[in-house]
Structures are given as C-alpha cells and as structure tokens.
PDB file of N, CA and C in Angstrom:
ATOM      1  N   UNK A   1     -11.280  15.994 -59.521  1.00  0.00           N
ATOM      2  CA  UNK A   1     -11.181  15.539 -60.887  1.00  0.00           C
ATOM      3  C   UNK A   1      -9.897  14.711 -61.038  1.00  0.00           C
ATOM      4  N   UNK A   2     -10.005  13.586 -61.695  1.00  0.00           N
ATOM      5  CA  UNK A   2      -8.858  12.724 -61.919  1.00  0.00           C
ATOM      6  C   UNK A   2      -8.707  12.471 -63.411  1.00  0.00           C
ATOM      7  N   UNK A   3      -7.468  12.330 -63.795  1.00  0.00           N
ATOM      8  CA  UNK A   3      -7.186  12.024 -65.201  1.00  0.00           C
ATOM      9  C   UNK A   3      -6.132  10.927 -65.244  1.00  0.00           C
ATOM     10  N   UNK A   4      -6.278  10.068 -66.197  1.00  0.00           N
ATOM     11  CA  UNK A   4      -5.301   8.996 -66.373  1.00  0.00           C
ATOM     12  C   UNK A   4      -4.610   9.204 -67.709  1.00  0.00           C
ATOM     13  N   UNK A   5      -3.303   9.194 -67.642  1.00  0.00           N
ATOM     14  CA  UNK A   5      -2.507   9.345 -68.861  1.00  0.00           C
ATOM     15  C   UNK A   5      -1.738   8.056 -69.063  1.00  0.00           C
ATOM     16  N   UNK A   6      -1.808   7.530 -70.262  1.00  0.00           N
ATOM     17  CA  UNK A   6      -1.093   6.308 -70.563  1.00  0.00           C
ATOM     18  C   UNK A   6      -0.125   6.593 -71.717  1.00  0.00           C
ATOM     19  N   UNK A   7       1.149   6.516 -71.423  1.00  0.00           N
ATOM     20  CA  UNK A   7       2.165   6.752 -72.433  1.00  0.00           C
ATOM     21  C   UNK A   7       2.663   5.402 -72.940  1.00  0.00           C
ATOM     22  N   UNK A   8       2.763   5.294 -74.231  1.00  0.00           N
ATOM     23  CA  UNK A   8       3.286   4.056 -74.811  1.00  0.00           C
ATOM     24  C   UNK A   8       4.400   4.404 -75.784  1.00  0.00           C
ATOM     25  N   UNK A   9       5.342   3.531 -75.862  1.00  0.00           N
ATOM     26  CA  UNK A   9       6.450   3.726 -76.791  1.00  0.00           C
ATOM     27  C   UNK A   9       6.343   2.674 -77.888  1.00  0.00           C
ATOM     28  N   UNK A  10       6.369   3.124 -79.102  1.00  0.00           N
ATOM     29  CA  UNK A  10       6.296   2.206 -80.230  1.00  0.00           C
ATOM     30  C   UNK A  10       7.692   1.737 -80.610  1.00  0.00           C
ATOM     31  N   UNK A  11       7.735   0.551 -81.162  1.00  0.00           N
ATOM     32  CA  UNK A  11       9.005   0.050 -81.675  1.00  0.00           C
ATOM     33  C   UNK A  11       9.265   0.689 -83.031  1.00  0.00           C
ATOM     34  N   UNK A  12      10.473   0.568 -83.511  1.00  0.00           N
ATOM     35  CA  UNK A  12      10.822   1.102 -84.835  1.00  0.00           C
ATOM     36  C   UNK A  12       9.968   0.437 -85.913  1.00  0.00           C
ATOM     37  N   UNK A  13       9.722  -0.856 -85.752  1.00  0.00           N
ATOM     38  CA  UNK A  13       8.889  -1.584 -86.707  1.00  0.00           C
ATOM     39  C   UNK A  13       7.480  -1.000 -86.730  1.00  0.00           C
ATOM     40  N   UNK A  14       6.911  -0.758 -85.563  1.00  0.00           N
ATOM     41  CA  UNK A  14       5.570  -0.183 -85.483  1.00  0.00           C
ATOM     42  C   UNK A  14       5.520   1.212 -86.088  1.00  0.00           C
ATOM     43  N   UNK A  15       6.573   1.992 -85.904  1.00  0.00           N
ATOM     44  CA  UNK A  15       6.624   3.341 -86.472  1.00  0.00           C
ATOM     45  C   UNK A  15       6.648   3.296 -88.003  1.00  0.00           C
ATOM     46  N   UNK A  16       7.428   2.390 -88.558  1.00  0.00           N
ATOM     47  CA  UNK A  16       7.505   2.280 -90.026  1.00  0.00           C
ATOM     48  C   UNK A  16       6.142   1.889 -90.578  1.00  0.00           C
ATOM     49  N   UNK A  17       5.497   0.928 -89.938  1.00  0.00           N
ATOM     50  CA  UNK A  17       4.170   0.491 -90.384  1.00  0.00           C
ATOM     51  C   UNK A  17       3.161   1.626 -90.236  1.00  0.00           C
ATOM     52  N   UNK A  18       3.226   2.338 -89.125  1.00  0.00           N
ATOM     53  CA  UNK A  18       2.287   3.434 -88.864  1.00  0.00           C
ATOM     54  C   UNK A  18       2.443   4.569 -89.874  1.00  0.00           C
ATOM     55  N   UNK A  19       3.696   4.848 -90.268  1.00  0.00           N
ATOM     56  CA  UNK A  19       3.944   5.923 -91.233  1.00  0.00           C
ATOM     57  C   UNK A  19       3.499   5.549 -92.637  1.00  0.00           C
ATOM     58  N   UNK A  20       3.317   4.255 -92.876  1.00  0.00           N
ATOM     59  CA  UNK A  20       2.813   3.743 -94.153  1.00  0.00           C
ATOM     60  C   UNK A  20       3.680   4.170 -95.340  1.00  0.00           C
ATOM     61  N   UNK A  21       4.983   4.235 -95.115  1.00  0.00           N
ATOM     62  CA  UNK A  21       5.939   4.560 -96.178  1.00  0.00           C
ATOM     63  C   UNK A  21       6.305   3.261 -96.881  1.00  0.00           C
ATOM     64  N   UNK A  22       5.700   3.023 -98.040  1.00  0.00           N
ATOM     65  CA  UNK A  22       5.860   1.754 -98.761  1.00  0.00           C
ATOM     66  C   UNK A  22       7.321   1.470 -99.114  1.00  0.00           C
ATOM     67  N   UNK A  23       8.056   2.500 -99.467  1.00  0.00           N
ATOM     68  CA  UNK A  23       9.465   2.315 -99.828  1.00  0.00           C
ATOM     69  C   UNK A  23      10.285   1.894 -98.605  1.00  0.00           C
ATOM     70  N   UNK A  24      10.033   2.513 -97.473  1.00  0.00           N
ATOM     71  CA  UNK A  24      10.742   2.157 -96.241  1.00  0.00           C
ATOM     72  C   UNK A  24      10.373   0.750 -95.794  1.00  0.00           C
ATOM     73  N   UNK A  25       9.115   0.383 -95.953  1.00  0.00           N
ATOM     74  CA  UNK A  25       8.667  -0.961 -95.581  1.00  0.00           C
ATOM     75  C   UNK A  25       9.351  -1.997 -96.472  1.00  0.00           C
ATOM     76  N   UNK A  26       9.388  -1.748 -97.773  1.00  0.00           N
ATOM     77  CA  UNK A  26      10.036  -2.680 -98.699  1.00  0.00           C
ATOM     78  C   UNK A  26      11.530  -2.824 -98.389  1.00  0.00           C
ATOM     79  N   UNK A  27      12.164  -1.721 -98.063  1.00  0.00           N
ATOM     80  CA  UNK A  27      13.583  -1.746 -97.716  1.00  0.00           C
ATOM     81  C   UNK A  27      13.814  -2.552 -96.440  1.00  0.00           C
ATOM     82  N   UNK A  28      12.959  -2.359 -95.461  1.00  0.00           N
ATOM     83  CA  UNK A  28      13.086  -3.074 -94.197  1.00  0.00           C
ATOM     84  C   UNK A  28      12.855  -4.574 -94.391  1.00  0.00           C
ATOM     85  N   UNK A  29      11.904  -4.919 -95.248  1.00  0.00           N
ATOM     86  CA  UNK A  29      11.669  -6.338 -95.559  1.00  0.00           C
ATOM     87  C   UNK A  29      12.934  -6.949 -96.145  1.00  0.00           C
ATOM     88  N   UNK A  30      13.545  -6.254 -97.073  1.00  0.00           N
ATOM     89  CA  UNK A  30      14.766  -6.752 -97.708  1.00  0.00           C
ATOM     90  C   UNK A  30      15.882  -6.976 -96.683  1.00  0.00           C
ATOM     91  N   UNK A  31      16.081  -6.010 -95.808  1.00  0.00           N
ATOM     92  CA  UNK A  31      17.133  -6.134 -94.788  1.00  0.00           C
ATOM     93  C   UNK A  31      16.835  -7.253 -93.801  1.00  0.00           C
ATOM     94  N   UNK A  32      15.569  -7.391 -93.422  1.00  0.00           N
ATOM     95  CA  UNK A  32      15.206  -8.445 -92.474  1.00  0.00           C
ATOM     96  C   UNK A  32      15.301  -9.825 -93.125  1.00  0.00           C
ATOM     97  N   UNK A  33      15.020  -9.929 -94.421  1.00  0.00           N
ATOM     98  CA  UNK A  33      15.177 -11.208 -95.115  1.00  0.00           C
ATOM     99  C   UNK A  33      16.645 -11.616 -95.169  1.00  0.00           C
ATOM    100  N   UNK A  34      17.548 -10.652 -95.364  1.00  0.00           N
ATOM    101  CA  UNK A  34      18.979 -10.939 -95.336  1.00  0.00           C
ATOM    102  C   UNK A  34      19.402 -11.382 -93.944  1.00  0.00           C
ATOM    103  N   UNK A  35      18.909 -10.711 -92.926  1.00  0.00           N
ATOM    104  CA  UNK A  35      19.226 -11.086 -91.541  1.00  0.00           C
ATOM    105  C   UNK A  35      18.682 -12.477 -91.219  1.00  0.00           C
ATOM    106  N   UNK A  36      17.534 -12.825 -91.801  1.00  0.00           N
ATOM    107  CA  UNK A  36      16.954 -14.148 -91.598  1.00  0.00           C
ATOM    108  C   UNK A  36      17.863 -15.233 -92.177  1.00  0.00           C
ATOM    109  N   UNK A  37      18.403 -14.981 -93.356  1.00  0.00           N
ATOM    110  CA  UNK A  37      19.347 -15.926 -93.960  1.00  0.00           C
ATOM    111  C   UNK A  37      20.570 -16.105 -93.064  1.00  0.00           C
ATOM    112  N   UNK A  38      21.082 -15.001 -92.542  1.00  0.00           N
ATOM    113  CA  UNK A  38      22.247 -15.056 -91.664  1.00  0.00           C
ATOM    114  C   UNK A  38      21.930 -15.799 -90.363  1.00  0.00           C
ATOM    115  N   UNK A  39      20.769 -15.555 -89.793  1.00  0.00           N
ATOM    116  CA  UNK A  39      20.381 -16.229 -88.550  1.00  0.00           C
ATOM    117  C   UNK A  39      20.222 -17.729 -88.775  1.00  0.00           C
ATOM    118  N   UNK A  40      19.673 -18.092 -89.920  1.00  0.00           N
ATOM    119  CA  UNK A  40      19.520 -19.516 -90.251  1.00  0.00           C
ATOM    120  C   UNK A  40      20.886 -20.185 -90.359  1.00  0.00           C
ATOM    121  N   UNK A  41      21.790 -19.523 -91.055  1.00  0.00           N
ATOM    122  CA  UNK A  41      23.142 -20.049 -91.216  1.00  0.00           C
ATOM    123  C   UNK A  41      23.859 -20.139 -89.870  1.00  0.00           C
ATOM    124  N   UNK A  42      23.736 -19.099 -89.067  1.00  0.00           N
ATOM    125  CA  UNK A  42      24.369 -19.078 -87.751  1.00  0.00           C
ATOM    126  C   UNK A  42      23.829 -20.182 -86.845  1.00  0.00           C
ATOM    127  N   UNK A  43      22.512 -20.377 -86.869  1.00  0.00           N
ATOM    128  CA  UNK A  43      21.901 -21.412 -86.020  1.00  0.00           C
ATOM    129  C   UNK A  43      22.430 -22.786 -86.405  1.00  0.00           C
ATOM    130  N   UNK A  44      22.537 -23.039 -87.701  1.00  0.00           N
ATOM    131  CA  UNK A  44      23.064 -24.329 -88.158  1.00  0.00           C
ATOM    132  C   UNK A  44      24.520 -24.497 -87.741  1.00  0.00           C
ATOM    133  N   UNK A  45      25.302 -23.430 -87.871  1.00  0.00           N
ATOM    134  CA  UNK A  45      26.709 -23.503 -87.486  1.00  0.00           C
ATOM    135  C   UNK A  45      26.859 -23.797 -85.997  1.00  0.00           C
ATOM    136  N   UNK A  46      26.160 -23.040 -85.167  1.00  0.00           N
ATOM    137  CA  UNK A  46      26.276 -23.230 -83.723  1.00  0.00           C
ATOM    138  C   UNK A  46      25.798 -24.621 -83.303  1.00  0.00           C
ATOM    139  N   UNK A  47      24.759 -25.111 -83.959  1.00  0.00           N
ATOM    140  CA  UNK A  47      24.287 -26.464 -83.651  1.00  0.00           C
ATOM    141  C   UNK A  47      25.342 -27.493 -84.039  1.00  0.00           C
ATOM    142  N   UNK A  48      26.058 -27.251 -85.143  1.00  0.00           N
ATOM    143  CA  UNK A  48      27.067 -28.209 -85.609  1.00  0.00           C
ATOM    144  C   UNK A  48      28.275 -28.295 -84.676  1.00  0.00           C
ATOM    145  N   UNK A  49      28.532 -27.219 -83.935  1.00  0.00           N
ATOM    146  CA  UNK A  49      29.661 -27.252 -82.994  1.00  0.00           C
ATOM    147  C   UNK A  49      29.179 -27.444 -81.555  1.00  0.00           C
ATOM    148  N   UNK A  50      27.923 -27.867 -81.431  1.00  0.00           N
ATOM    149  CA  UNK A  50      27.312 -28.179 -80.136  1.00  0.00           C
ATOM    150  C   UNK A  50      27.273 -26.996 -79.172  1.00  0.00           C
ATOM    151  N   UNK A  51      27.124 -25.803 -79.707  1.00  0.00           N
ATOM    152  CA  UNK A  51      26.933 -24.618 -78.872  1.00  0.00           C
ATOM    153  C   UNK A  51      25.425 -24.349 -78.833  1.00  0.00           C
ATOM    154  N   UNK A  52      24.754 -25.103 -77.961  1.00  0.00           N
ATOM    155  CA  UNK A  52      23.290 -25.066 -77.922  1.00  0.00           C
ATOM    156  C   UNK A  52      22.724 -23.712 -77.529  1.00  0.00           C
ATOM    157  N   UNK A  53      23.396 -23.014 -76.627  1.00  0.00           N
ATOM    158  CA  UNK A  53      22.886 -21.712 -76.184  1.00  0.00           C
ATOM    159  C   UNK A  53      22.841 -20.717 -77.349  1.00  0.00           C
ATOM    160  N   UNK A  54      23.930 -20.632 -78.102  1.00  0.00           N
ATOM    161  CA  UNK A  54      23.961 -19.711 -79.244  1.00  0.00           C
ATOM    162  C   UNK A  54      23.007 -20.168 -80.348  1.00  0.00           C
ATOM    163  N   UNK A  55      22.894 -21.486 -80.537  1.00  0.00           N
ATOM    164  CA  UNK A  55      21.954 -22.007 -81.532  1.00  0.00           C
ATOM    165  C   UNK A  55      20.525 -21.621 -81.160  1.00  0.00           C
ATOM    166  N   UNK A  56      20.201 -21.712 -79.875  1.00  0.00           N
ATOM    167  CA  UNK A  56      18.867 -21.311 -79.407  1.00  0.00           C
ATOM    168  C   UNK A  56      18.632 -19.818 -79.608  1.00  0.00           C
ATOM    169  N   UNK A  57      19.657 -19.007 -79.351  1.00  0.00           N
ATOM    170  CA  UNK A  57      19.535 -17.559 -79.558  1.00  0.00           C
ATOM    171  C   UNK A  57      19.253 -17.239 -81.021  1.00  0.00           C
ATOM    172  N   UNK A  58      19.980 -17.893 -81.911  1.00  0.00           N
ATOM    173  CA  UNK A  58      19.790 -17.643 -83.342  1.00  0.00           C
ATOM    174  C   UNK A  58      18.430 -18.159 -83.814  1.00  0.00           C
ATOM    175  N   UNK A  59      17.973 -19.252 -83.233  1.00  0.00           N
ATOM    176  CA  UNK A  59      16.650 -19.777 -83.580  1.00  0.00           C
ATOM    177  C   UNK A  59      15.568 -18.796 -83.138  1.00  0.00           C
ATOM    178  N   UNK A  60      15.714 -18.231 -81.952  1.00  0.00           N
ATOM    179  CA  UNK A  60      14.763 -17.224 -81.467  1.00  0.00           C
ATOM    180  C   UNK A  60      14.800 -15.994 -82.372  1.00  0.00           C
ATOM    181  N   UNK A  61      15.995 -15.623 -82.806  1.00  0.00           N
ATOM    182  CA  UNK A  61      16.147 -14.486 -83.722  1.00  0.00           C
ATOM    183  C   UNK A  61      15.437 -14.770 -85.041  1.00  0.00           C
ATOM    184  N   UNK A  62      15.579 -15.999 -85.557  1.00  0.00           N
ATOM    185  CA  UNK A  62      14.893 -16.389 -86.795  1.00  0.00           C
ATOM    186  C   UNK A  62      13.387 -16.252 -86.645  1.00  0.00           C
ATOM    187  N   UNK A  63      12.858 -16.719 -85.521  1.00  0.00           N
ATOM    188  CA  UNK A  63      11.417 -16.653 -85.290  1.00  0.00           C
ATOM    189  C   UNK A  63      10.933 -15.209 -85.233  1.00  0.00           C
ATOM    190  N   UNK A  64      11.699 -14.353 -84.563  1.00  0.00           N
ATOM    191  CA  UNK A  64      11.320 -12.937 -84.459  1.00  0.00           C
ATOM    192  C   UNK A  64      11.374 -12.260 -85.835  1.00  0.00           C
ATOM    193  N   UNK A  65      12.423 -12.552 -86.588  1.00  0.00           N
ATOM    194  CA  UNK A  65      12.546 -11.966 -87.919  1.00  0.00           C
ATOM    195  C   UNK A  65      11.404 -12.420 -88.833  1.00  0.00           C
ATOM    196  N   UNK A  66      11.050 -13.684 -88.744  1.00  0.00           N
ATOM    197  CA  UNK A  66       9.939 -14.207 -89.548  1.00  0.00           C
ATOM    198  C   UNK A  66       8.644 -13.483 -89.201  1.00  0.00           C
ATOM    199  N   UNK A  67       8.420 -13.286 -87.912  1.00  0.00           N
ATOM    200  CA  UNK A  67       7.215 -12.581 -87.462  1.00  0.00           C
ATOM    201  C   UNK A  67       7.217 -11.132 -87.972  1.00  0.00           C
ATOM    202  N   UNK A  68       8.365 -10.464 -87.865  1.00  0.00           N
ATOM    203  CA  UNK A  68       8.474  -9.078 -88.333  1.00  0.00           C
ATOM    204  C   UNK A  68       8.252  -8.982 -89.838  1.00  0.00           C
ATOM    205  N   UNK A  69       8.844  -9.895 -90.597  1.00  0.00           N
ATOM    206  CA  UNK A  69       8.686  -9.885 -92.056  1.00  0.00           C
ATOM    207  C   UNK A  69       7.225 -10.067 -92.431  1.00  0.00           C
ATOM    208  N   UNK A  70       6.542 -10.982 -91.751  1.00  0.00           N
ATOM    209  CA  UNK A  70       5.119 -11.188 -92.043  1.00  0.00           C
ATOM    210  C   UNK A  70       4.290  -9.943 -91.744  1.00  0.00           C
ATOM    211  N   UNK A  71       4.601  -9.257 -90.624  1.00  0.00           N
ATOM    212  CA  UNK A  71       3.896  -8.012 -90.290  1.00  0.00           C
ATOM    213  C   UNK A  71       4.130  -6.947 -91.361  1.00  0.00           C
ATOM    214  N   UNK A  72       5.380  -6.848 -91.811  1.00  0.00           N
ATOM    215  CA  UNK A  72       5.708  -5.838 -92.822  1.00  0.00           C
ATOM    216  C   UNK A  72       5.053  -6.149 -94.160  1.00  0.00           C
ATOM    217  N   UNK A  73       5.040  -7.407 -94.539  1.00  0.00           N
ATOM    218  CA  UNK A  73       4.395  -7.786 -95.806  1.00  0.00           C
ATOM    219  C   UNK A  73       2.896  -7.512 -95.744  1.00  0.00           C
ATOM    220  N   UNK A  74       2.289  -7.753 -94.596  1.00  0.00           N
ATOM    221  CA  UNK A  74       0.873  -7.459 -94.434  1.00  0.00           C
ATOM    222  C   UNK A  74       0.626  -5.947 -94.540  1.00  0.00           C
ATOM    223  N   UNK A  75       1.498  -5.154 -93.952  1.00  0.00           N
ATOM    224  CA  UNK A  75       1.361  -3.695 -94.032  1.00  0.00           C
ATOM    225  C   UNK A  75       1.546  -3.204 -95.455  1.00  0.00           C
ATOM    226  N   UNK A  76       2.413  -3.875 -96.207  1.00  0.00           N
ATOM    227  CA  UNK A  76       2.658  -3.481 -97.594  1.00  0.00           C
ATOM    228  C   UNK A  76       1.436  -3.741 -98.464  1.00  0.00           C
ATOM    229  N   UNK A  77       0.668  -4.795 -98.129  1.00  0.00           N
ATOM    230  CA  UNK A  77      -0.556  -5.137 -98.876  1.00  0.00           C
ATOM    231  C   UNK A  77      -1.667  -4.129 -98.621  1.00  0.00           C
ATOM    232  N   UNK A  78      -1.699  -3.580 -97.407  1.00  0.00           N
ATOM    233  CA  UNK A  78      -2.811  -2.666 -97.042  1.00  0.00           C
ATOM    234  C   UNK A  78      -2.630  -1.297 -97.602  1.00  0.00           C
TER     235      UNK A  78
END
C-alpha cells in the first residue's frame, strides 16, 4: 500500500483570504495601498538618481502590491 502526502504552505495573504475575516481584509488593503504609494514614490526617486536596480525593485514591488490588492478586493466582494 502506498500513500502520497502533499504538504503546502499558504502565504499570509492566502490565510487572510481563506479565513474570510472582512475586517482583516479591509485593514490589509489599506496597508498595502499605503505601501503602493510608497513604492511608487521610491521608484520615481530611484529612477531620478539613475539607480536603475533599485528602481526596478520598487517597480516589481508595485506590481506585486497591485496584484495583492486586487486579490483582496475580490475576496472582500465574495
């Protein structure tokens, strides 16, 4: 007899969505929106001083935050 066990680890974002705690989701959206503003500002600053590597990092951070915010807003609707 054989058995296969597959263990997966959820991210904090996935846990909040899974728990369906509307207040926690709304709070997380607010914090991520603030972080998005900061990442946007940081990316512009780094680009202005020709620090392309840091500008790219902040741009990637902006994209990830945008994706997370959209996931959270969708979870809030459901």
